[in-house]
PDB file of N, CA and C in Angstrom:
ATOM      1  N   UNK A   1       4.744 -19.293   4.389  1.00  0.00           N
ATOM      2  CA  UNK A   1       5.861 -17.972   3.428  1.00  0.00           C
ATOM      3  C   UNK A   1       4.851 -16.568   3.516  1.00  0.00           C
ATOM      4  N   UNK A   2       5.986 -15.661   2.867  1.00  0.00           N
ATOM      5  CA  UNK A   2       5.507 -14.396   2.884  1.00  0.00           C
ATOM      6  C   UNK A   2       4.567 -13.858   1.308  1.00  0.00           C
ATOM      7  N   UNK A   3       3.626 -13.553   1.454  1.00  0.00           N
ATOM      8  CA  UNK A   3       3.152 -13.500  -0.026  1.00  0.00           C
ATOM      9  C   UNK A   3       1.881 -11.746   0.348  1.00  0.00           C
ATOM     10  N   UNK A   4       2.104 -11.256  -1.036  1.00  0.00           N
ATOM     11  CA  UNK A   4       1.030 -10.321  -1.321  1.00  0.00           C
ATOM     12  C   UNK A   4      -0.138 -11.179  -2.065  1.00  0.00           C
ATOM     13  N   UNK A   5      -1.611 -10.956  -1.866  1.00  0.00           N
ATOM     14  CA  UNK A   5      -2.359 -11.676  -2.227  1.00  0.00           C
ATOM     15  C   UNK A   5      -3.613 -11.042  -2.441  1.00  0.00           C
ATOM     16  N   UNK A   6      -4.612 -11.144  -3.355  1.00  0.00           N
ATOM     17  CA  UNK A   6      -6.014 -10.431  -3.271  1.00  0.00           C
ATOM     18  C   UNK A   6      -7.102 -11.502  -3.515  1.00  0.00           C
ATOM     19  N   UNK A   7      -8.256 -11.677  -2.594  1.00  0.00           N
ATOM     20  CA  UNK A   7      -9.719 -11.962  -2.983  1.00  0.00           C
ATOM     21  C   UNK A   7     -10.610 -11.517  -3.951  1.00  0.00           C
ATOM     22  N   UNK A   8     -10.382 -10.562  -4.326  1.00  0.00           N
ATOM     23  CA  UNK A   8     -11.348  -9.904  -5.007  1.00  0.00           C
ATOM     24  C   UNK A   8     -10.850  -8.671  -5.367  1.00  0.00           C
ATOM     25  N   UNK A   9     -11.605  -8.011  -6.866  1.00  0.00           N
ATOM     26  CA  UNK A   9     -10.739  -7.189  -7.748  1.00  0.00           C
ATOM     27  C   UNK A   9     -11.081  -5.948  -7.293  1.00  0.00           C
ATOM     28  N   UNK A  10     -10.011  -5.034  -7.921  1.00  0.00           N
ATOM     29  CA  UNK A  10     -10.408  -3.458  -7.272  1.00  0.00           C
ATOM     30  C   UNK A  10      -8.688  -2.670  -7.180  1.00  0.00           C
ATOM     31  N   UNK A  11      -8.983  -1.540  -6.725  1.00  0.00           N
ATOM     32  CA  UNK A  11      -7.748  -0.592  -6.594  1.00  0.00           C
ATOM     33  C   UNK A  11      -6.616  -1.685  -5.455  1.00  0.00           C
ATOM     34  N   UNK A  12      -5.677  -1.351  -5.794  1.00  0.00           N
ATOM     35  CA  UNK A  12      -4.335  -2.281  -5.238  1.00  0.00           C
ATOM     36  C   UNK A  12      -4.439  -1.514  -3.619  1.00  0.00           C
ATOM     37  N   UNK A  13      -4.818  -0.463  -3.240  1.00  0.00           N
ATOM     38  CA  UNK A  13      -4.497  -0.027  -2.017  1.00  0.00           C
ATOM     39  C   UNK A  13      -5.727  -0.813  -1.248  1.00  0.00           C
ATOM     40  N   UNK A  14      -7.137  -1.311  -1.987  1.00  0.00           N
ATOM     41  CA  UNK A  14      -8.135  -1.482  -1.118  1.00  0.00           C
ATOM     42  C   UNK A  14      -8.069  -3.250  -1.081  1.00  0.00           C
ATOM     43  N   UNK A  15      -7.818  -3.837  -2.060  1.00  0.00           N
ATOM     44  CA  UNK A  15      -7.964  -5.140  -2.338  1.00  0.00           C
ATOM     45  C   UNK A  15      -6.886  -5.959  -2.083  1.00  0.00           C
ATOM     46  N   UNK A  16      -5.175  -5.695  -1.630  1.00  0.00           N
ATOM     47  CA  UNK A  16      -3.961  -6.294  -1.639  1.00  0.00           C
ATOM     48  C   UNK A  16      -3.759  -6.416  -0.196  1.00  0.00           C
ATOM     49  N   UNK A  17      -3.839  -7.729  -0.103  1.00  0.00           N
ATOM     50  CA  UNK A  17      -3.142  -8.409   1.261  1.00  0.00           C
ATOM     51  C   UNK A  17      -1.552  -8.671   1.491  1.00  0.00           C
ATOM     52  N   UNK A  18      -1.134  -8.425   2.674  1.00  0.00           N
ATOM     53  CA  UNK A  18       0.307  -8.842   2.865  1.00  0.00           C
ATOM     54  C   UNK A  18       0.342  -9.646   4.059  1.00  0.00           C
ATOM     55  N   UNK A  19       1.404 -11.089   4.102  1.00  0.00           N
ATOM     56  CA  UNK A  19       1.455 -11.542   5.165  1.00  0.00           C
ATOM     57  C   UNK A  19       1.806 -12.872   5.179  1.00  0.00           C
ATOM     58  N   UNK A  20       1.255 -13.585   6.347  1.00  0.00           N
ATOM     59  CA  UNK A  20       1.906 -15.518   6.159  1.00  0.00           C
ATOM     60  C   UNK A  20       1.109 -15.641   4.971  1.00  0.00           C
ATOM     61  N   UNK A  21       1.232 -16.709   4.401  1.00  0.00           N
ATOM     62  CA  UNK A  21       0.521 -17.401   3.327  1.00  0.00           C
ATOM     63  C   UNK A  21       1.031 -19.019   3.251  1.00  0.00           C
ATOM     64  N   UNK A  22       0.044 -19.654   3.263  1.00  0.00           N
ATOM     65  CA  UNK A  22       0.280 -21.143   3.484  1.00  0.00           C
ATOM     66  C   UNK A  22       1.374 -21.318   2.074  1.00  0.00           C
ATOM     67  N   UNK A  23       2.288 -22.448   2.135  1.00  0.00           N
ATOM     68  CA  UNK A  23       2.985 -22.609   1.268  1.00  0.00           C
ATOM     69  C   UNK A  23       2.177 -23.607   0.442  1.00  0.00           C
ATOM     70  N   UNK A  24       1.866 -23.416  -0.929  1.00  0.00           N
ATOM     71  CA  UNK A  24       1.681 -24.190  -2.025  1.00  0.00           C
ATOM     72  C   UNK A  24       1.881 -25.042  -2.374  1.00  0.00           C
ATOM     73  N   UNK A  25       1.156 -26.465  -2.559  1.00  0.00           N
ATOM     74  CA  UNK A  25       1.614 -27.741  -2.978  1.00  0.00           C
ATOM     75  C   UNK A  25       2.481 -27.785  -4.431  1.00  0.00           C
ATOM     76  N   UNK A  26       3.450 -28.543  -4.672  1.00  0.00           N
ATOM     77  CA  UNK A  26       3.861 -28.546  -5.860  1.00  0.00           C
ATOM     78  C   UNK A  26       2.970 -29.496  -7.023  1.00  0.00           C
ATOM     79  N   UNK A  27       2.576 -28.970  -7.848  1.00  0.00           N
ATOM     80  CA  UNK A  27       1.713 -30.057  -9.066  1.00  0.00           C
ATOM     81  C   UNK A  27       3.229 -31.049  -9.024  1.00  0.00           C
ATOM     82  N   UNK A  28       2.590 -32.234  -9.883  1.00  0.00           N
ATOM     83  CA  UNK A  28       3.164 -33.291 -10.264  1.00  0.00           C
ATOM     84  C   UNK A  28       4.504 -32.765 -11.498  1.00  0.00           C
ATOM     85  N   UNK A  29       4.037 -31.957 -12.546  1.00  0.00           N
ATOM     86  CA  UNK A  29       5.180 -31.653 -13.259  1.00  0.00           C
ATOM     87  C   UNK A  29       6.023 -30.167 -12.850  1.00  0.00           C
ATOM     88  N   UNK A  30       5.780 -29.800 -12.118  1.00  0.00           N
ATOM     89  CA  UNK A  30       6.277 -28.713 -11.545  1.00  0.00           C
ATOM     90  C   UNK A  30       7.145 -27.769 -10.865  1.00  0.00           C
ATOM     91  N   UNK A  31       7.511 -26.775 -10.284  1.00  0.00           N
ATOM     92  CA  UNK A  31       8.361 -26.531  -9.222  1.00  0.00           C
ATOM     93  C   UNK A  31       7.986 -25.560  -8.579  1.00  0.00           C
ATOM     94  N   UNK A  32       8.183 -25.602  -7.105  1.00  0.00           N
ATOM     95  CA  UNK A  32       8.355 -24.188  -6.413  1.00  0.00           C
ATOM     96  C   UNK A  32       9.270 -23.285  -6.251  1.00  0.00           C
ATOM     97  N   UNK A  33       9.136 -22.429  -6.610  1.00  0.00           N
ATOM     98  CA  UNK A  33      10.319 -21.206  -6.453  1.00  0.00           C
ATOM     99  C   UNK A  33       9.858 -20.050  -5.488  1.00  0.00           C
ATOM    100  N   UNK A  34      11.086 -20.114  -4.556  1.00  0.00           N
ATOM    101  CA  UNK A  34      10.982 -18.926  -3.895  1.00  0.00           C
ATOM    102  C   UNK A  34      11.495 -17.514  -4.506  1.00  0.00           C
ATOM    103  N   UNK A  35      10.738 -16.973  -4.705  1.00  0.00           N
ATOM    104  CA  UNK A  35      10.640 -15.896  -5.535  1.00  0.00           C
ATOM    105  C   UNK A  35      11.538 -14.384  -4.899  1.00  0.00           C
ATOM    106  N   UNK A  36      12.801 -13.866  -5.283  1.00  0.00           N
ATOM    107  CA  UNK A  36      13.658 -13.065  -4.505  1.00  0.00           C
ATOM    108  C   UNK A  36      13.647 -11.769  -5.345  1.00  0.00           C
ATOM    109  N   UNK A  37      12.679 -11.400  -6.594  1.00  0.00           N
ATOM    110  CA  UNK A  37      12.792 -10.035  -7.407  1.00  0.00           C
ATOM    111  C   UNK A  37      11.344 -10.575  -8.121  1.00  0.00           C
ATOM    112  N   UNK A  38      10.703  -9.502  -8.136  1.00  0.00           N
ATOM    113  CA  UNK A  38       9.391  -9.548  -9.210  1.00  0.00           C
ATOM    114  C   UNK A  38       9.179  -8.491  -9.445  1.00  0.00           C
ATOM    115  N   UNK A  39       9.145  -8.278 -10.821  1.00  0.00           N
ATOM    116  CA  UNK A  39       8.493  -7.001 -11.242  1.00  0.00           C
ATOM    117  C   UNK A  39       7.193  -6.970 -11.263  1.00  0.00           C
ATOM    118  N   UNK A  40       6.424  -5.867 -11.960  1.00  0.00           N
ATOM    119  CA  UNK A  40       5.235  -6.128 -12.359  1.00  0.00           C
ATOM    120  C   UNK A  40       4.640  -6.097 -13.646  1.00  0.00           C
ATOM    121  N   UNK A  41       3.948  -6.854 -13.991  1.00  0.00           N
ATOM    122  CA  UNK A  41       3.899  -7.405 -15.491  1.00  0.00           C
ATOM    123  C   UNK A  41       2.587  -6.385 -15.498  1.00  0.00           C
ATOM    124  N   UNK A  42       2.273  -5.579 -16.550  1.00  0.00           N
ATOM    125  CA  UNK A  42       0.979  -5.065 -17.133  1.00  0.00           C
ATOM    126  C   UNK A  42      -0.399  -5.730 -16.780  1.00  0.00           C
ATOM    127  N   UNK A  43      -0.305  -7.026 -17.001  1.00  0.00           N
ATOM    128  CA  UNK A  43      -1.205  -7.809 -17.041  1.00  0.00           C
ATOM    129  C   UNK A  43      -1.811  -8.159 -15.611  1.00  0.00           C
ATOM    130  N   UNK A  44      -0.522  -8.370 -14.742  1.00  0.00           N
ATOM    131  CA  UNK A  44      -1.066  -8.312 -13.203  1.00  0.00           C
ATOM    132  C   UNK A  44      -1.830  -7.161 -12.442  1.00  0.00           C
ATOM    133  N   UNK A  45      -1.534  -5.999 -12.607  1.00  0.00           N
ATOM    134  CA  UNK A  45      -2.200  -4.722 -12.829  1.00  0.00           C
ATOM    135  C   UNK A  45      -3.548  -4.658 -13.567  1.00  0.00           C
ATOM    136  N   UNK A  46      -3.572  -5.040 -14.428  1.00  0.00           N
ATOM    137  CA  UNK A  46      -5.043  -4.821 -15.191  1.00  0.00           C
ATOM    138  C   UNK A  46      -6.129  -5.964 -14.665  1.00  0.00           C
ATOM    139  N   UNK A  47      -5.713  -7.327 -14.689  1.00  0.00           N
ATOM    140  CA  UNK A  47      -6.507  -8.391 -13.740  1.00  0.00           C
ATOM    141  C   UNK A  47      -6.567  -8.329 -12.318  1.00  0.00           C
ATOM    142  N   UNK A  48      -6.007  -7.364 -11.817  1.00  0.00           N
ATOM    143  CA  UNK A  48      -6.334  -7.199 -10.535  1.00  0.00           C
ATOM    144  C   UNK A  48      -7.174  -5.872 -10.445  1.00  0.00           C
ATOM    145  N   UNK A  49      -7.214  -4.984 -11.176  1.00  0.00           N
ATOM    146  CA  UNK A  49      -7.842  -3.680 -11.333  1.00  0.00           C
ATOM    147  C   UNK A  49      -9.462  -4.199 -11.931  1.00  0.00           C
ATOM    148  N   UNK A  50      -9.502  -5.494 -12.540  1.00  0.00           N
ATOM    149  CA  UNK A  50     -10.965  -6.034 -12.805  1.00  0.00           C
ATOM    150  C   UNK A  50     -10.993  -6.167 -14.293  1.00  0.00           C
ATOM    151  N   UNK A  51     -10.066  -6.104 -15.140  1.00  0.00           N
ATOM    152  CA  UNK A  51      -9.567  -6.514 -16.345  1.00  0.00           C
ATOM    153  C   UNK A  51     -10.540  -8.065 -16.656  1.00  0.00           C
ATOM    154  N   UNK A  52     -10.641  -8.130 -17.866  1.00  0.00           N
ATOM    155  CA  UNK A  52     -12.147  -9.445 -17.718  1.00  0.00           C
ATOM    156  C   UNK A  52     -12.964  -9.302 -17.282  1.00  0.00           C
ATOM    157  N   UNK A  53     -13.908  -8.225 -17.316  1.00  0.00           N
ATOM    158  CA  UNK A  53     -15.250  -8.170 -16.254  1.00  0.00           C
ATOM    159  C   UNK A  53     -15.057  -8.250 -15.264  1.00  0.00           C
ATOM    160  N   UNK A  54     -14.239  -7.970 -14.544  1.00  0.00           N
ATOM    161  CA  UNK A  54     -14.017  -7.975 -13.296  1.00  0.00           C
ATOM    162  C   UNK A  54     -13.831  -9.542 -12.678  1.00  0.00           C
ATOM    163  N   UNK A  55     -13.960 -10.404 -13.607  1.00  0.00           N
ATOM    164  CA  UNK A  55     -13.999 -11.974 -13.016  1.00  0.00           C
ATOM    165  C   UNK A  55     -12.594 -12.580 -12.324  1.00  0.00           C
ATOM    166  N   UNK A  56     -12.838 -13.455 -11.076  1.00  0.00           N
ATOM    167  CA  UNK A  56     -11.839 -13.878 -10.618  1.00  0.00           C
ATOM    168  C   UNK A  56     -11.783 -15.069 -10.853  1.00  0.00           C
ATOM    169  N   UNK A  57     -10.471 -15.764 -11.574  1.00  0.00           N
ATOM    170  CA  UNK A  57     -10.701 -16.998 -12.027  1.00  0.00           C
ATOM    171  C   UNK A  57     -10.404 -18.082 -10.743  1.00  0.00           C
ATOM    172  N   UNK A  58      -9.685 -17.463  -9.909  1.00  0.00           N
ATOM    173  CA  UNK A  58      -9.808 -18.425  -8.189  1.00  0.00           C
ATOM    174  C   UNK A  58      -9.820 -17.631  -7.380  1.00  0.00           C
ATOM    175  N   UNK A  59     -10.244 -18.155  -6.422  1.00  0.00           N
ATOM    176  CA  UNK A  59     -10.860 -17.534  -4.581  1.00  0.00           C
ATOM    177  C   UNK A  59      -9.966 -16.752  -4.217  1.00  0.00           C
ATOM    178  N   UNK A  60      -8.368 -17.002  -4.673  1.00  0.00           N
ATOM    179  CA  UNK A  60      -7.765 -15.854  -4.388  1.00  0.00           C
ATOM    180  C   UNK A  60      -6.540 -16.197  -5.085  1.00  0.00           C
ATOM    181  N   UNK A  61      -6.109 -14.855  -5.547  1.00  0.00           N
ATOM    182  CA  UNK A  61      -4.517 -14.741  -6.504  1.00  0.00           C
ATOM    183  C   UNK A  61      -3.388 -14.361  -5.798  1.00  0.00           C
ATOM    184  N   UNK A  62      -2.139 -14.803  -6.057  1.00  0.00           N
ATOM    185  CA  UNK A  62      -0.930 -14.410  -5.735  1.00  0.00           C
ATOM    186  C   UNK A  62      -0.474 -13.838  -7.110  1.00  0.00           C
ATOM    187  N   UNK A  63      -0.372 -11.995  -7.176  1.00  0.00           N
ATOM    188  CA  UNK A  63       0.089 -11.574  -8.331  1.00  0.00           C
ATOM    189  C   UNK A  63       1.356 -11.699  -9.097  1.00  0.00           C
ATOM    190  N   UNK A  64       1.756 -10.779  -9.793  1.00  0.00           N
ATOM    191  CA  UNK A  64       2.990 -10.683 -10.517  1.00  0.00           C
ATOM    192  C   UNK A  64       3.467 -11.946 -10.901  1.00  0.00           C
ATOM    193  N   UNK A  65       3.512 -12.078 -12.205  1.00  0.00           N
ATOM    194  CA  UNK A  65       3.866 -13.086 -13.139  1.00  0.00           C
ATOM    195  C   UNK A  65       5.532 -12.883 -13.398  1.00  0.00           C
ATOM    196  N   UNK A  66       6.292 -12.211 -13.043  1.00  0.00           N
ATOM    197  CA  UNK A  66       7.095 -12.466 -13.662  1.00  0.00           C
ATOM    198  C   UNK A  66       8.320 -12.196 -12.979  1.00  0.00           C
ATOM    199  N   UNK A  67       9.491 -12.623 -12.720  1.00  0.00           N
ATOM    200  CA  UNK A  67      10.293 -12.822 -11.889  1.00  0.00           C
ATOM    201  C   UNK A  67      11.716 -13.461 -11.884  1.00  0.00           C
ATOM    202  N   UNK A  68      12.318 -13.635 -10.703  1.00  0.00           N
ATOM    203  CA  UNK A  68      13.524 -14.699 -10.461  1.00  0.00           C
ATOM    204  C   UNK A  68      13.612 -14.856  -8.776  1.00  0.00           C
ATOM    205  N   UNK A  69      14.195 -16.205  -8.820  1.00  0.00           N
ATOM    206  CA  UNK A  69      14.115 -16.670  -7.671  1.00  0.00           C
ATOM    207  C   UNK A  69      15.199 -17.887  -7.496  1.00  0.00           C
ATOM    208  N   UNK A  70      14.914 -19.053  -6.616  1.00  0.00           N
ATOM    209  CA  UNK A  70      15.642 -20.282  -6.729  1.00  0.00           C
ATOM    210  C   UNK A  70      14.551 -21.243  -6.409  1.00  0.00           C
ATOM    211  N   UNK A  71      14.578 -22.750  -7.225  1.00  0.00           N
ATOM    212  CA  UNK A  71      13.723 -23.814  -7.048  1.00  0.00           C
ATOM    213  C   UNK A  71      13.903 -24.191  -5.513  1.00  0.00           C
ATOM    214  N   UNK A  72      12.822 -24.275  -4.713  1.00  0.00           N
ATOM    215  CA  UNK A  72      12.653 -24.827  -3.522  1.00  0.00           C
ATOM    216  C   UNK A  72      12.165 -26.088  -3.271  1.00  0.00           C
ATOM    217  N   UNK A  73      11.466 -26.618  -4.153  1.00  0.00           N
ATOM    218  CA  UNK A  73      11.211 -27.939  -4.435  1.00  0.00           C
ATOM    219  C   UNK A  73      10.701 -28.342  -5.745  1.00  0.00           C
ATOM    220  N   UNK A  74      10.281 -29.762  -6.026  1.00  0.00           N
ATOM    221  CA  UNK A  74       9.962 -30.012  -7.414  1.00  0.00           C
ATOM    222  C   UNK A  74       9.003 -31.146  -7.216  1.00  0.00           C
ATOM    223  N   UNK A  75       8.126 -30.974  -8.437  1.00  0.00           N
ATOM    224  CA  UNK A  75       6.939 -32.252  -8.138  1.00  0.00           C
ATOM    225  C   UNK A  75       7.645 -33.930  -8.737  1.00  0.00           C
ATOM    226  N   UNK A  76       6.665 -34.912  -8.527  1.00  0.00           N
ATOM    227  CA  UNK A  76       7.476 -36.183  -8.578  1.00  0.00           C
ATOM    228  C   UNK A  76       8.010 -36.051 -10.621  1.00  0.00           C
ATOM    229  N   UNK A  77       7.358 -35.204 -11.323  1.00  0.00           N
ATOM    230  CA  UNK A  77       7.940 -35.659 -12.523  1.00  0.00           C
ATOM    231  C   UNK A  77       9.109 -35.305 -12.922  1.00  0.00           C
ATOM    232  N   UNK A  78       9.630 -34.290 -11.985  1.00  0.00           N
ATOM    233  CA  UNK A  78      10.675 -33.084 -12.101  1.00  0.00           C
ATOM    234  C   UNK A  78      12.191 -34.037 -11.427  1.00  0.00           C
ATOM    235  N   UNK A  79      13.326 -33.893 -12.231  1.00  0.00           N
ATOM    236  CA  UNK A  79      14.317 -33.903 -11.201  1.00  0.00           C
ATOM    237  C   UNK A  79      14.795 -33.159 -10.430  1.00  0.00           C
ATOM    238  N   UNK A  80      15.107 -34.169  -9.079  1.00  0.00           N
ATOM    239  CA  UNK A  80      15.368 -33.461  -7.836  1.00  0.00           C
ATOM    240  C   UNK A  80      16.968 -32.472  -7.960  1.00  0.00           C
ATOM    241  N   UNK A  81      17.579 -32.758  -9.001  1.00  0.00           N
ATOM    242  CA  UNK A  81      18.992 -32.181  -9.192  1.00  0.00           C
ATOM    243  C   UNK A  81      18.529 -30.617  -9.407  1.00  0.00           C
ATOM    244  N   UNK A  82      16.876 -30.278  -9.717  1.00  0.00           N
ATOM    245  CA  UNK A  82      16.892 -28.492 -10.063  1.00  0.00           C
ATOM    246  C   UNK A  82      16.336 -28.255  -8.935  1.00  0.00           C
ATOM    247  N   UNK A  83      16.645 -28.477  -7.699  1.00  0.00           N
ATOM    248  CA  UNK A  83      16.412 -28.082  -6.134  1.00  0.00           C
ATOM    249  C   UNK A  83      17.821 -27.341  -5.851  1.00  0.00           C
ATOM    250  N   UNK A  84      17.464 -25.874  -5.660  1.00  0.00           N
ATOM    251  CA  UNK A  84      18.539 -24.809  -5.649  1.00  0.00           C
ATOM    252  C   UNK A  84      18.875 -24.280  -6.789  1.00  0.00           C
ATOM    253  N   UNK A  85      18.418 -24.715  -8.053  1.00  0.00           N
ATOM    254  CA  UNK A  85      18.829 -24.105  -9.091  1.00  0.00           C
ATOM    255  C   UNK A  85      18.149 -22.670  -9.395  1.00  0.00           C
ATOM    256  N   UNK A  86      19.016 -21.474  -9.837  1.00  0.00           N
ATOM    257  CA  UNK A  86      18.811 -20.169 -10.123  1.00  0.00           C
ATOM    258  C   UNK A  86      18.098 -20.140 -11.327  1.00  0.00           C
ATOM    259  N   UNK A  87      16.621 -19.495 -11.342  1.00  0.00           N
ATOM    260  CA  UNK A  87      15.723 -19.450 -12.549  1.00  0.00           C
ATOM    261  C   UNK A  87      14.931 -18.355 -12.340  1.00  0.00           C
ATOM    262  N   UNK A  88      14.568 -17.750 -13.571  1.00  0.00           N
ATOM    263  CA  UNK A  88      13.753 -16.479 -13.738  1.00  0.00           C
ATOM    264  C   UNK A  88      12.376 -17.159 -14.174  1.00  0.00           C
ATOM    265  N   UNK A  89      10.998 -16.344 -14.186  1.00  0.00           N
ATOM    266  CA  UNK A  89       9.759 -16.888 -14.135  1.00  0.00           C
ATOM    267  C   UNK A  89       9.206 -15.698 -15.343  1.00  0.00           C
ATOM    268  N   UNK A  90       8.345 -16.074 -15.919  1.00  0.00           N
ATOM    269  CA  UNK A  90       7.758 -15.002 -17.162  1.00  0.00           C
ATOM    270  C   UNK A  90       6.615 -15.524 -17.165  1.00  0.00           C
ATOM    271  N   UNK A  91       5.320 -15.196 -17.110  1.00  0.00           N
ATOM    272  CA  UNK A  91       4.065 -15.324 -16.905  1.00  0.00           C
ATOM    273  C   UNK A  91       3.779 -16.485 -16.116  1.00  0.00           C
ATOM    274  N   UNK A  92       4.348 -16.632 -14.870  1.00  0.00           N
ATOM    275  CA  UNK A  92       4.246 -18.040 -14.252  1.00  0.00           C
ATOM    276  C   UNK A  92       3.020 -17.823 -13.242  1.00  0.00           C
ATOM    277  N   UNK A  93       2.002 -16.786 -13.473  1.00  0.00           N
ATOM    278  CA  UNK A  93       0.952 -16.750 -12.783  1.00  0.00           C
ATOM    279  C   UNK A  93      -0.210 -17.378 -13.574  1.00  0.00           C
ATOM    280  N   UNK A  94      -0.164 -17.079 -14.886  1.00  0.00           N
ATOM    281  CA  UNK A  94      -0.784 -17.147 -15.807  1.00  0.00           C
ATOM    282  C   UNK A  94      -2.065 -18.336 -15.814  1.00  0.00           C
ATOM    283  N   UNK A  95      -3.080 -18.214 -15.390  1.00  0.00           N
ATOM    284  CA  UNK A  95      -4.188 -19.692 -15.264  1.00  0.00           C
ATOM    285  C   UNK A  95      -3.558 -20.512 -14.041  1.00  0.00           C
ATOM    286  N   UNK A  96      -3.293 -20.050 -13.419  1.00  0.00           N
ATOM    287  CA  UNK A  96      -2.917 -20.618 -11.920  1.00  0.00           C
ATOM    288  C   UNK A  96      -3.329 -19.325 -11.017  1.00  0.00           C
ATOM    289  N   UNK A  97      -3.348 -19.931  -9.634  1.00  0.00           N
ATOM    290  CA  UNK A  97      -3.767 -18.917  -8.923  1.00  0.00           C
ATOM    291  C   UNK A  97      -2.336 -18.267  -7.866  1.00  0.00           C
ATOM    292  N   UNK A  98      -1.431 -18.954  -8.292  1.00  0.00           N
ATOM    293  CA  UNK A  98      -0.157 -18.228  -7.740  1.00  0.00           C
ATOM    294  C   UNK A  98       0.795 -18.684  -8.673  1.00  0.00           C
TER     295      UNK A  98
END
């Protein structure tokens, strides 16, 4: 999948990478969303810049907590009928690497 991510905190120009990234595994109760539109939440900018003492919660983070897209895959505890559903995501990256 195409994605932007960072592996260290700092200025966007310095730390953001753009390219192909492995598709993440879908957790049991989760969904995989193909994000079609993504807004920049202030918390995304602050965390990437080093907010919270510059700590990285994960070795790699795909930012942008808010967006809209289509459910592409579901975990085993989610109805398969949800695949193809258009959804919006709010704070989706919070406490997760992507």
